[in-house]
N, C-alpha and C. Protein backbone atom coordinates (compact mmCIF):
# COMPACT_ATOMS: atom_id res chain seq x y z
N UNK A 1 109.11 78.67 108.57
CA UNK A 1 110.55 78.71 108.41
C UNK A 1 110.99 80.00 107.74
N UNK A 2 110.39 80.38 106.63
CA UNK A 2 110.86 81.54 105.89
C UNK A 2 110.46 82.87 106.51
N UNK A 3 109.42 82.90 107.35
CA UNK A 3 109.05 84.17 107.96
C UNK A 3 110.22 84.78 108.69
N UNK A 4 111.00 83.97 109.38
CA UNK A 4 112.14 84.48 110.12
C UNK A 4 113.26 84.93 109.20
N UNK A 5 113.21 84.56 107.95
CA UNK A 5 114.27 84.92 107.02
C UNK A 5 114.05 86.28 106.38
N UNK A 6 112.92 86.91 106.60
CA UNK A 6 112.65 88.21 106.00
C UNK A 6 113.20 89.30 106.91
N UNK A 7 114.47 89.15 107.21
CA UNK A 7 115.22 90.14 107.97
C UNK A 7 116.60 90.21 107.37
N UNK A 8 117.28 91.36 107.45
CA UNK A 8 118.62 91.44 106.90
C UNK A 8 119.57 90.47 107.59
N UNK A 9 120.51 89.94 106.80
CA UNK A 9 121.51 89.04 107.36
C UNK A 9 122.42 89.82 108.30
N UNK A 10 122.85 89.16 109.36
CA UNK A 10 123.74 89.81 110.31
C UNK A 10 125.12 90.03 109.74
N UNK A 11 125.86 90.96 110.32
CA UNK A 11 127.18 91.30 109.78
C UNK A 11 128.18 90.18 109.95
N UNK A 12 127.98 89.30 110.90
CA UNK A 12 128.93 88.23 111.12
C UNK A 12 128.51 86.93 110.45
N UNK A 13 127.60 86.97 109.54
CA UNK A 13 127.08 85.75 108.94
C UNK A 13 128.00 85.22 107.84
N UNK A 14 127.82 83.97 107.52
CA UNK A 14 128.57 83.34 106.45
C UNK A 14 128.28 84.03 105.14
N UNK A 15 129.30 84.25 104.32
CA UNK A 15 129.06 84.90 103.04
C UNK A 15 128.53 83.89 102.04
N UNK A 16 127.67 84.37 101.18
CA UNK A 16 127.08 83.50 100.17
C UNK A 16 128.14 83.00 99.21
N UNK A 17 129.20 83.79 99.01
CA UNK A 17 130.23 83.41 98.05
C UNK A 17 130.95 82.13 98.45
N UNK A 18 130.77 81.68 99.69
CA UNK A 18 131.40 80.44 100.09
C UNK A 18 130.78 79.23 99.38
N UNK A 19 129.61 79.40 98.83
CA UNK A 19 128.94 78.37 98.03
C UNK A 19 128.82 77.05 98.77
N UNK A 20 128.39 77.13 100.02
CA UNK A 20 128.20 75.93 100.82
C UNK A 20 127.13 75.02 100.22
N UNK A 21 126.28 75.55 99.38
CA UNK A 21 125.22 74.74 98.79
C UNK A 21 125.40 74.59 97.28
N UNK A 22 126.64 74.65 96.83
CA UNK A 22 126.95 74.40 95.43
C UNK A 22 126.88 72.91 95.14
N UNK A 23 126.63 72.56 93.90
CA UNK A 23 126.52 71.15 93.51
C UNK A 23 126.77 71.00 92.03
N UNK A 24 126.93 69.77 91.59
CA UNK A 24 127.13 69.46 90.18
C UNK A 24 125.82 68.91 89.62
N UNK A 25 125.14 69.67 88.73
CA UNK A 25 123.87 69.20 88.17
C UNK A 25 124.09 68.18 87.04
N UNK A 26 124.21 66.92 87.41
CA UNK A 26 124.49 65.85 86.44
C UNK A 26 123.23 65.48 85.65
N UNK A 27 123.41 64.85 84.48
CA UNK A 27 122.24 64.37 83.73
C UNK A 27 121.37 63.42 84.56
N UNK A 28 122.00 62.57 85.37
CA UNK A 28 121.24 61.63 86.19
C UNK A 28 120.40 62.38 87.23
N UNK A 29 120.95 63.42 87.83
CA UNK A 29 120.22 64.21 88.81
C UNK A 29 119.05 64.93 88.14
N UNK A 30 119.28 65.47 86.96
CA UNK A 30 118.20 66.16 86.25
C UNK A 30 117.06 65.19 85.89
N UNK A 31 117.43 64.00 85.42
CA UNK A 31 116.41 63.00 85.07
C UNK A 31 115.64 62.58 86.31
N UNK A 32 116.34 62.32 87.40
CA UNK A 32 115.69 61.93 88.65
C UNK A 32 114.75 63.03 89.15
N UNK A 33 115.14 64.28 88.94
CA UNK A 33 114.32 65.41 89.36
C UNK A 33 113.00 65.44 88.59
N UNK A 34 113.09 65.33 87.28
CA UNK A 34 111.87 65.33 86.46
C UNK A 34 111.01 64.12 86.77
N UNK A 35 111.64 62.94 86.83
CA UNK A 35 110.88 61.71 87.11
C UNK A 35 110.18 61.79 88.47
N UNK A 36 110.89 62.28 89.48
CA UNK A 36 110.31 62.39 90.81
C UNK A 36 109.16 63.38 90.85
N UNK A 37 109.34 64.50 90.17
CA UNK A 37 108.30 65.53 90.14
C UNK A 37 107.04 64.98 89.47
N UNK A 38 107.22 64.31 88.36
CA UNK A 38 106.09 63.72 87.63
C UNK A 38 105.39 62.68 88.50
N UNK A 39 106.17 61.85 89.15
CA UNK A 39 105.61 60.79 89.98
C UNK A 39 104.79 61.36 91.14
N UNK A 40 105.32 62.37 91.83
CA UNK A 40 104.59 62.98 92.95
C UNK A 40 103.33 63.70 92.47
N UNK A 41 103.41 64.31 91.31
CA UNK A 41 102.28 65.08 90.79
C UNK A 41 101.15 64.17 90.29
N UNK A 42 101.49 62.96 89.88
CA UNK A 42 100.47 62.01 89.39
C UNK A 42 99.37 61.80 90.41
N UNK A 43 99.72 61.81 91.68
CA UNK A 43 98.76 61.54 92.74
C UNK A 43 97.74 62.67 92.87
N UNK A 44 98.24 63.89 92.90
CA UNK A 44 97.35 65.04 93.14
C UNK A 44 96.78 65.67 91.88
N UNK A 45 97.51 65.55 90.76
CA UNK A 45 97.06 66.22 89.54
C UNK A 45 97.57 65.46 88.31
N UNK A 46 96.89 64.38 87.94
CA UNK A 46 97.35 63.55 86.81
C UNK A 46 97.51 64.33 85.49
N UNK A 47 96.62 65.28 85.23
CA UNK A 47 96.72 66.05 83.98
C UNK A 47 97.99 66.90 83.97
N UNK A 48 98.29 67.54 85.09
CA UNK A 48 99.52 68.35 85.18
C UNK A 48 100.75 67.45 85.07
N UNK A 49 100.67 66.27 85.66
CA UNK A 49 101.77 65.32 85.59
C UNK A 49 102.06 64.95 84.13
N UNK A 50 101.01 64.71 83.37
CA UNK A 50 101.18 64.38 81.95
C UNK A 50 101.76 65.56 81.18
N UNK A 51 101.33 66.76 81.52
CA UNK A 51 101.84 67.96 80.84
C UNK A 51 103.33 68.14 81.13
N UNK A 52 103.74 67.92 82.36
CA UNK A 52 105.16 68.04 82.72
C UNK A 52 105.96 66.99 81.97
N UNK A 53 105.45 65.76 81.93
CA UNK A 53 106.15 64.69 81.20
C UNK A 53 106.26 65.03 79.72
N UNK A 54 105.21 65.59 79.15
CA UNK A 54 105.21 65.94 77.73
C UNK A 54 106.20 67.08 77.43
N UNK A 55 106.37 67.97 78.38
CA UNK A 55 107.25 69.12 78.15
C UNK A 55 108.69 68.91 78.60
N UNK A 56 108.90 68.14 79.67
CA UNK A 56 110.25 68.05 80.24
C UNK A 56 110.79 66.62 80.30
N UNK A 57 110.07 65.67 79.73
CA UNK A 57 110.54 64.30 79.70
C UNK A 57 111.73 64.15 78.76
N UNK A 58 112.22 62.91 78.59
CA UNK A 58 113.38 62.66 77.72
C UNK A 58 113.17 63.21 76.31
N UNK A 59 114.15 63.93 75.82
CA UNK A 59 114.10 64.48 74.48
C UNK A 59 113.25 65.74 74.34
N UNK A 60 112.75 66.25 75.44
CA UNK A 60 111.90 67.45 75.41
C UNK A 60 112.71 68.66 75.88
N UNK A 61 112.03 69.68 76.37
CA UNK A 61 112.70 70.89 76.85
C UNK A 61 113.63 70.58 78.02
N UNK A 62 114.76 71.23 78.04
CA UNK A 62 115.72 71.09 79.13
C UNK A 62 115.47 72.22 80.13
N UNK A 63 114.83 71.89 81.24
CA UNK A 63 114.50 72.93 82.22
C UNK A 63 115.74 73.67 82.71
N UNK A 64 116.87 72.98 82.79
CA UNK A 64 118.09 73.61 83.29
C UNK A 64 118.56 74.72 82.34
N UNK A 65 118.47 74.49 81.05
CA UNK A 65 118.86 75.51 80.07
C UNK A 65 117.93 76.72 80.14
N UNK A 66 116.64 76.44 80.28
CA UNK A 66 115.67 77.53 80.39
C UNK A 66 115.96 78.35 81.64
N UNK A 67 116.20 77.65 82.75
CA UNK A 67 116.50 78.33 84.01
C UNK A 67 117.76 79.20 83.87
N UNK A 68 118.79 78.65 83.26
CA UNK A 68 120.03 79.41 83.09
C UNK A 68 119.79 80.70 82.33
N UNK A 69 118.96 80.65 81.32
CA UNK A 69 118.63 81.85 80.56
C UNK A 69 117.88 82.88 81.40
N UNK A 70 117.06 82.40 82.33
CA UNK A 70 116.30 83.31 83.18
C UNK A 70 117.19 84.02 84.20
N UNK A 71 118.18 83.32 84.73
CA UNK A 71 118.98 83.89 85.83
C UNK A 71 120.28 84.56 85.40
N UNK A 72 120.74 84.26 84.21
CA UNK A 72 122.03 84.80 83.75
C UNK A 72 122.13 86.32 83.89
N UNK A 73 121.10 87.10 83.50
CA UNK A 73 121.22 88.55 83.60
C UNK A 73 121.40 89.07 85.04
N UNK A 74 121.10 88.22 86.02
CA UNK A 74 121.19 88.65 87.42
C UNK A 74 122.43 88.14 88.12
N UNK A 75 123.31 87.46 87.39
CA UNK A 75 124.55 86.98 87.97
C UNK A 75 124.39 85.79 88.90
N UNK A 76 123.28 85.07 88.78
CA UNK A 76 123.07 83.90 89.63
C UNK A 76 123.62 82.65 88.95
N UNK A 77 124.08 81.73 89.76
CA UNK A 77 124.60 80.46 89.26
C UNK A 77 123.49 79.42 89.24
N UNK A 78 123.57 78.52 88.29
CA UNK A 78 122.56 77.47 88.22
C UNK A 78 123.04 76.18 88.89
N UNK A 79 124.15 76.27 89.62
CA UNK A 79 124.67 75.10 90.32
C UNK A 79 124.85 75.38 91.81
N UNK A 80 124.00 76.25 92.35
CA UNK A 80 124.05 76.57 93.76
C UNK A 80 122.61 76.71 94.27
N UNK A 81 122.26 75.95 95.29
CA UNK A 81 120.89 75.93 95.79
C UNK A 81 120.44 77.29 96.30
N UNK A 82 121.35 78.08 96.87
CA UNK A 82 120.99 79.42 97.35
C UNK A 82 120.60 80.29 96.16
N UNK A 83 121.38 80.26 95.10
CA UNK A 83 121.07 81.07 93.93
C UNK A 83 119.76 80.63 93.27
N UNK A 84 119.54 79.32 93.23
CA UNK A 84 118.30 78.80 92.64
C UNK A 84 117.10 79.25 93.46
N UNK A 85 117.20 79.14 94.77
CA UNK A 85 116.11 79.58 95.64
C UNK A 85 115.90 81.09 95.50
N UNK A 86 116.98 81.83 95.38
CA UNK A 86 116.88 83.29 95.19
C UNK A 86 116.05 83.60 93.96
N UNK A 87 116.36 82.93 92.85
CA UNK A 87 115.61 83.15 91.61
C UNK A 87 114.14 82.82 91.79
N UNK A 88 113.86 81.74 92.48
CA UNK A 88 112.48 81.30 92.71
C UNK A 88 111.71 82.33 93.53
N UNK A 89 112.33 82.82 94.58
CA UNK A 89 111.67 83.82 95.44
C UNK A 89 111.42 85.12 94.68
N UNK A 90 112.39 85.55 93.90
CA UNK A 90 112.23 86.79 93.13
C UNK A 90 111.14 86.62 92.09
N UNK A 91 111.11 85.48 91.42
CA UNK A 91 110.05 85.23 90.44
C UNK A 91 108.68 85.24 91.11
N UNK A 92 108.57 84.58 92.26
CA UNK A 92 107.31 84.59 92.98
C UNK A 92 106.86 86.00 93.33
N UNK A 93 107.81 86.82 93.77
CA UNK A 93 107.50 88.21 94.10
C UNK A 93 107.03 88.97 92.85
N UNK A 94 107.70 88.76 91.74
CA UNK A 94 107.32 89.44 90.51
C UNK A 94 105.89 89.08 90.10
N UNK A 95 105.55 87.81 90.22
CA UNK A 95 104.21 87.36 89.83
C UNK A 95 103.16 87.94 90.78
N UNK A 96 103.36 87.73 92.07
CA UNK A 96 102.36 88.14 93.06
C UNK A 96 102.15 89.65 93.06
N UNK A 97 103.23 90.39 92.87
CA UNK A 97 103.14 91.85 92.93
C UNK A 97 103.09 92.51 91.56
N UNK A 98 102.79 91.71 90.54
CA UNK A 98 102.55 92.17 89.17
C UNK A 98 103.68 93.04 88.61
N UNK A 99 104.90 92.53 88.73
CA UNK A 99 106.07 93.21 88.16
C UNK A 99 106.37 92.51 86.83
N UNK A 100 105.75 93.01 85.77
CA UNK A 100 105.92 92.38 84.46
C UNK A 100 107.13 92.91 83.70
N UNK A 101 107.66 94.03 84.12
CA UNK A 101 108.86 94.59 83.51
C UNK A 101 110.08 94.10 84.27
N UNK A 102 110.78 93.13 83.70
CA UNK A 102 111.96 92.57 84.35
C UNK A 102 113.03 93.58 84.67
N UNK A 103 113.04 94.72 83.99
CA UNK A 103 114.04 95.75 84.26
C UNK A 103 113.81 96.44 85.61
N UNK A 104 112.63 96.25 86.19
CA UNK A 104 112.36 96.85 87.50
C UNK A 104 113.03 96.06 88.62
N UNK A 105 113.45 94.85 88.31
CA UNK A 105 114.18 94.04 89.27
C UNK A 105 115.66 94.13 88.89
N UNK A 106 116.43 94.75 89.76
CA UNK A 106 117.84 94.97 89.46
C UNK A 106 118.71 93.83 89.99
N UNK A 107 119.90 93.67 89.43
CA UNK A 107 120.83 92.69 89.99
C UNK A 107 121.11 92.95 91.48
N UNK A 108 121.11 94.21 91.89
CA UNK A 108 121.33 94.52 93.31
C UNK A 108 120.20 93.98 94.18
N UNK A 109 118.97 94.06 93.70
CA UNK A 109 117.84 93.51 94.45
C UNK A 109 117.96 92.00 94.58
N UNK A 110 118.33 91.36 93.48
CA UNK A 110 118.48 89.91 93.48
C UNK A 110 119.61 89.52 94.43
N UNK A 111 120.70 90.25 94.39
CA UNK A 111 121.82 89.98 95.30
C UNK A 111 121.39 90.20 96.75
N UNK A 112 120.52 91.18 96.97
CA UNK A 112 120.00 91.42 98.32
C UNK A 112 119.25 90.21 98.85
N UNK A 113 118.43 89.59 98.01
CA UNK A 113 117.69 88.39 98.41
C UNK A 113 118.67 87.25 98.67
N UNK A 114 119.66 87.13 97.80
CA UNK A 114 120.67 86.09 97.95
C UNK A 114 121.40 86.24 99.28
N UNK A 115 121.79 87.46 99.61
CA UNK A 115 122.50 87.71 100.86
C UNK A 115 121.59 87.59 102.08
N UNK A 116 120.31 87.81 101.87
CA UNK A 116 119.33 87.73 102.96
C UNK A 116 119.08 86.27 103.36
N UNK A 117 118.95 85.39 102.39
CA UNK A 117 118.60 84.00 102.65
C UNK A 117 119.81 83.07 102.70
N UNK A 118 120.83 83.38 101.94
CA UNK A 118 121.97 82.49 101.80
C UNK A 118 122.66 82.07 103.08
N UNK A 119 123.03 83.01 103.94
CA UNK A 119 123.76 82.61 105.14
C UNK A 119 123.00 81.62 106.02
N UNK A 120 121.72 81.84 106.19
CA UNK A 120 120.93 80.93 107.03
C UNK A 120 120.77 79.57 106.38
N UNK A 121 120.54 79.56 105.08
CA UNK A 121 120.40 78.28 104.38
C UNK A 121 121.72 77.52 104.38
N UNK A 122 122.82 78.22 104.18
CA UNK A 122 124.13 77.59 104.11
C UNK A 122 124.57 76.98 105.44
N UNK A 123 123.96 77.41 106.53
CA UNK A 123 124.30 76.88 107.85
C UNK A 123 123.36 75.75 108.28
N UNK A 124 122.35 75.47 107.48
CA UNK A 124 121.36 74.45 107.84
C UNK A 124 121.94 73.06 107.58
N UNK A 125 122.17 72.27 108.63
CA UNK A 125 122.79 70.95 108.44
C UNK A 125 121.98 70.00 107.56
N UNK A 126 120.66 70.18 107.53
CA UNK A 126 119.85 69.33 106.65
C UNK A 126 120.16 69.62 105.19
N UNK A 127 120.45 70.88 104.88
CA UNK A 127 120.72 71.26 103.49
C UNK A 127 122.17 71.01 103.08
N UNK A 128 123.07 70.99 104.05
CA UNK A 128 124.49 70.79 103.72
C UNK A 128 124.88 69.32 103.72
N UNK A 129 123.95 68.43 104.04
CA UNK A 129 124.22 66.99 103.97
C UNK A 129 124.52 66.61 102.52
N UNK A 130 125.37 65.62 102.31
CA UNK A 130 125.75 65.23 100.95
C UNK A 130 124.54 64.94 100.04
N UNK A 131 124.53 65.57 98.89
CA UNK A 131 123.51 65.34 97.88
C UNK A 131 122.24 66.16 98.04
N UNK A 132 122.00 66.72 99.20
CA UNK A 132 120.75 67.43 99.45
C UNK A 132 120.68 68.74 98.66
N UNK A 133 121.78 69.48 98.61
CA UNK A 133 121.77 70.76 97.88
C UNK A 133 121.41 70.53 96.41
N UNK A 134 121.95 69.48 95.82
CA UNK A 134 121.64 69.19 94.42
C UNK A 134 120.19 68.81 94.22
N UNK A 135 119.66 67.98 95.10
CA UNK A 135 118.26 67.59 94.99
C UNK A 135 117.35 68.80 95.16
N UNK A 136 117.62 69.61 96.17
CA UNK A 136 116.82 70.81 96.42
C UNK A 136 116.96 71.80 95.26
N UNK A 137 118.19 72.04 94.85
CA UNK A 137 118.44 73.00 93.77
C UNK A 137 117.73 72.62 92.48
N UNK A 138 117.84 71.38 92.09
CA UNK A 138 117.22 70.95 90.84
C UNK A 138 115.69 70.95 90.94
N UNK A 139 115.18 70.56 92.09
CA UNK A 139 113.72 70.57 92.28
C UNK A 139 113.18 72.01 92.16
N UNK A 140 113.85 72.94 92.82
CA UNK A 140 113.39 74.34 92.78
C UNK A 140 113.63 74.93 91.39
N UNK A 141 114.69 74.53 90.75
CA UNK A 141 114.97 75.00 89.39
C UNK A 141 113.83 74.58 88.45
N UNK A 142 113.43 73.32 88.52
CA UNK A 142 112.32 72.84 87.70
C UNK A 142 111.04 73.58 88.06
N UNK A 143 110.78 73.75 89.35
CA UNK A 143 109.58 74.46 89.79
C UNK A 143 109.60 75.91 89.29
N UNK A 144 110.75 76.54 89.30
CA UNK A 144 110.87 77.92 88.81
C UNK A 144 110.46 78.01 87.34
N UNK A 145 110.95 77.09 86.55
CA UNK A 145 110.62 77.09 85.12
C UNK A 145 109.13 76.82 84.91
N UNK A 146 108.57 75.93 85.69
CA UNK A 146 107.14 75.63 85.58
C UNK A 146 106.30 76.85 85.99
N UNK A 147 106.67 77.49 87.08
CA UNK A 147 105.93 78.67 87.55
C UNK A 147 106.05 79.81 86.54
N UNK A 148 107.23 80.01 85.99
CA UNK A 148 107.43 81.07 84.99
C UNK A 148 106.61 80.79 83.74
N UNK A 149 106.57 79.54 83.32
CA UNK A 149 105.77 79.16 82.16
C UNK A 149 104.28 79.37 82.43
N UNK A 150 103.85 79.02 83.63
CA UNK A 150 102.45 79.25 84.01
C UNK A 150 102.10 80.73 84.01
N UNK A 151 103.04 81.54 84.44
CA UNK A 151 102.84 83.00 84.45
C UNK A 151 102.63 83.50 83.03
N UNK A 152 103.48 83.06 82.11
CA UNK A 152 103.35 83.48 80.71
C UNK A 152 102.01 83.04 80.13
N UNK A 153 101.59 81.82 80.46
CA UNK A 153 100.30 81.33 79.99
C UNK A 153 99.15 82.14 80.58
N UNK A 154 99.25 82.46 81.88
CA UNK A 154 98.19 83.25 82.53
C UNK A 154 98.08 84.63 81.90
N UNK A 155 99.20 85.20 81.52
CA UNK A 155 99.17 86.51 80.85
C UNK A 155 98.47 86.41 79.50
N UNK A 156 98.81 85.37 78.73
CA UNK A 156 98.21 85.19 77.41
C UNK A 156 96.71 84.88 77.49
N UNK A 157 96.35 84.12 78.49
CA UNK A 157 94.96 83.68 78.63
C UNK A 157 94.11 84.66 79.45
N UNK A 158 94.72 85.78 79.82
CA UNK A 158 94.03 86.80 80.63
C UNK A 158 93.47 86.20 81.93
N UNK A 159 94.29 85.37 82.56
CA UNK A 159 93.92 84.71 83.81
C UNK A 159 94.91 85.07 84.92
N UNK A 160 95.53 86.23 84.81
CA UNK A 160 96.59 86.59 85.74
C UNK A 160 96.13 86.70 87.19
N UNK A 161 95.00 87.35 87.52
CA UNK A 161 94.63 87.47 88.93
C UNK A 161 94.53 86.12 89.65
N UNK A 162 93.92 85.14 89.02
CA UNK A 162 93.80 83.82 89.64
C UNK A 162 95.17 83.18 89.82
N UNK A 163 96.04 83.33 88.82
CA UNK A 163 97.38 82.75 88.91
C UNK A 163 98.17 83.43 90.02
N UNK A 164 98.08 84.75 90.10
CA UNK A 164 98.78 85.49 91.15
C UNK A 164 98.33 85.00 92.53
N UNK A 165 97.03 84.83 92.70
CA UNK A 165 96.52 84.36 93.99
C UNK A 165 97.03 82.96 94.30
N UNK A 166 97.04 82.10 93.29
CA UNK A 166 97.54 80.74 93.48
C UNK A 166 99.01 80.72 93.88
N UNK A 167 99.81 81.56 93.25
CA UNK A 167 101.24 81.62 93.58
C UNK A 167 101.43 82.21 94.97
N UNK A 168 100.67 83.24 95.31
CA UNK A 168 100.76 83.84 96.65
C UNK A 168 100.44 82.79 97.71
N UNK A 169 99.39 82.02 97.49
CA UNK A 169 99.00 80.97 98.43
C UNK A 169 100.07 79.89 98.52
N UNK A 170 100.63 79.51 97.38
CA UNK A 170 101.67 78.48 97.37
C UNK A 170 102.88 78.91 98.19
N UNK A 171 103.36 80.13 98.00
CA UNK A 171 104.53 80.59 98.74
C UNK A 171 104.22 80.70 100.24
N UNK A 172 103.03 81.13 100.56
CA UNK A 172 102.66 81.27 101.97
C UNK A 172 102.55 79.90 102.63
N UNK A 173 101.95 78.95 101.92
CA UNK A 173 101.75 77.60 102.46
C UNK A 173 103.05 76.82 102.53
N UNK A 174 103.80 76.80 101.43
CA UNK A 174 105.00 75.96 101.35
C UNK A 174 106.22 76.58 102.02
N UNK A 175 106.33 77.89 101.99
CA UNK A 175 107.55 78.54 102.48
C UNK A 175 107.29 79.47 103.66
N UNK A 176 106.04 79.70 104.01
CA UNK A 176 105.75 80.61 105.11
C UNK A 176 106.08 82.05 104.78
N UNK A 177 106.09 82.39 103.50
CA UNK A 177 106.46 83.73 103.06
C UNK A 177 105.26 84.39 102.39
N UNK A 178 104.77 85.45 103.01
CA UNK A 178 103.65 86.20 102.45
C UNK A 178 104.20 87.27 101.51
N UNK A 179 104.22 86.97 100.23
CA UNK A 179 104.80 87.89 99.25
C UNK A 179 103.98 89.16 99.08
N UNK A 180 102.75 89.15 99.57
CA UNK A 180 101.95 90.37 99.52
C UNK A 180 102.32 91.32 100.65
N UNK A 181 102.99 90.81 101.66
CA UNK A 181 103.34 91.62 102.83
C UNK A 181 104.77 92.15 102.77
N UNK A 182 105.49 91.85 101.69
CA UNK A 182 106.87 92.31 101.56
C UNK A 182 107.05 93.00 100.21
N UNK A 183 108.14 93.75 100.11
CA UNK A 183 108.50 94.33 98.81
C UNK A 183 109.98 94.10 98.60
N UNK A 184 110.35 93.98 97.34
CA UNK A 184 111.72 93.70 96.95
C UNK A 184 112.50 95.00 96.88
N UNK A 185 113.64 95.06 97.60
CA UNK A 185 114.49 96.25 97.62
C UNK A 185 115.94 95.81 97.47
N UNK A 186 116.85 96.76 97.48
CA UNK A 186 118.27 96.46 97.41
C UNK A 186 118.76 95.49 98.48
N UNK A 187 118.32 95.65 99.73
CA UNK A 187 118.74 94.70 100.77
C UNK A 187 117.91 93.40 100.78
N UNK A 188 117.07 93.19 99.82
CA UNK A 188 116.24 91.98 99.78
C UNK A 188 114.80 92.34 100.08
N UNK A 189 114.09 91.40 100.68
CA UNK A 189 112.68 91.62 101.02
C UNK A 189 112.58 92.41 102.32
N UNK A 190 111.73 93.42 102.32
CA UNK A 190 111.42 94.16 103.54
C UNK A 190 109.90 94.15 103.68
N UNK A 191 109.47 94.17 104.92
CA UNK A 191 108.03 94.18 105.18
C UNK A 191 107.42 95.50 104.75
N UNK A 192 106.21 95.43 104.20
CA UNK A 192 105.47 96.65 103.79
C UNK A 192 105.05 97.44 105.00
């Protein structure tokens, strides 16, 4: 799916500012997101499931607040699935391509990714169905915070190469996007 998205958006495409995938991140939606994530993870990785519950369960860290702090400097909204996905893709690129200096990623680059993916996502009837944007946005928001936290841990534990490979594989498998084959520029991702 995402391989076809690594091309510039056409001039006649829907503008991202229309916020077709905007949503209201309610406390109930946030709780359901964490509970669902923990439940799905229990099957494949019980230890990780327990760690997520310990960190993001009731009364613990608020993943939404952490996410907001991560994206605020880039002008992204935390209540729009396109913006959330944009942040996730940029973070994945930073990890895989070892961009540890956040200043190397400009707001223009982030906006380029937003404009590259937004129009196609905003036209997808599966994503524009009632409630889907919120579910997708919150799920990716939580995943972004988890991936960013894992990155910080990998740096501290001197395990970055393995983590980078794992993230590269995850993006390629789940999204069809080979982050090693693209580079982040003003117009978004371009093939190397």
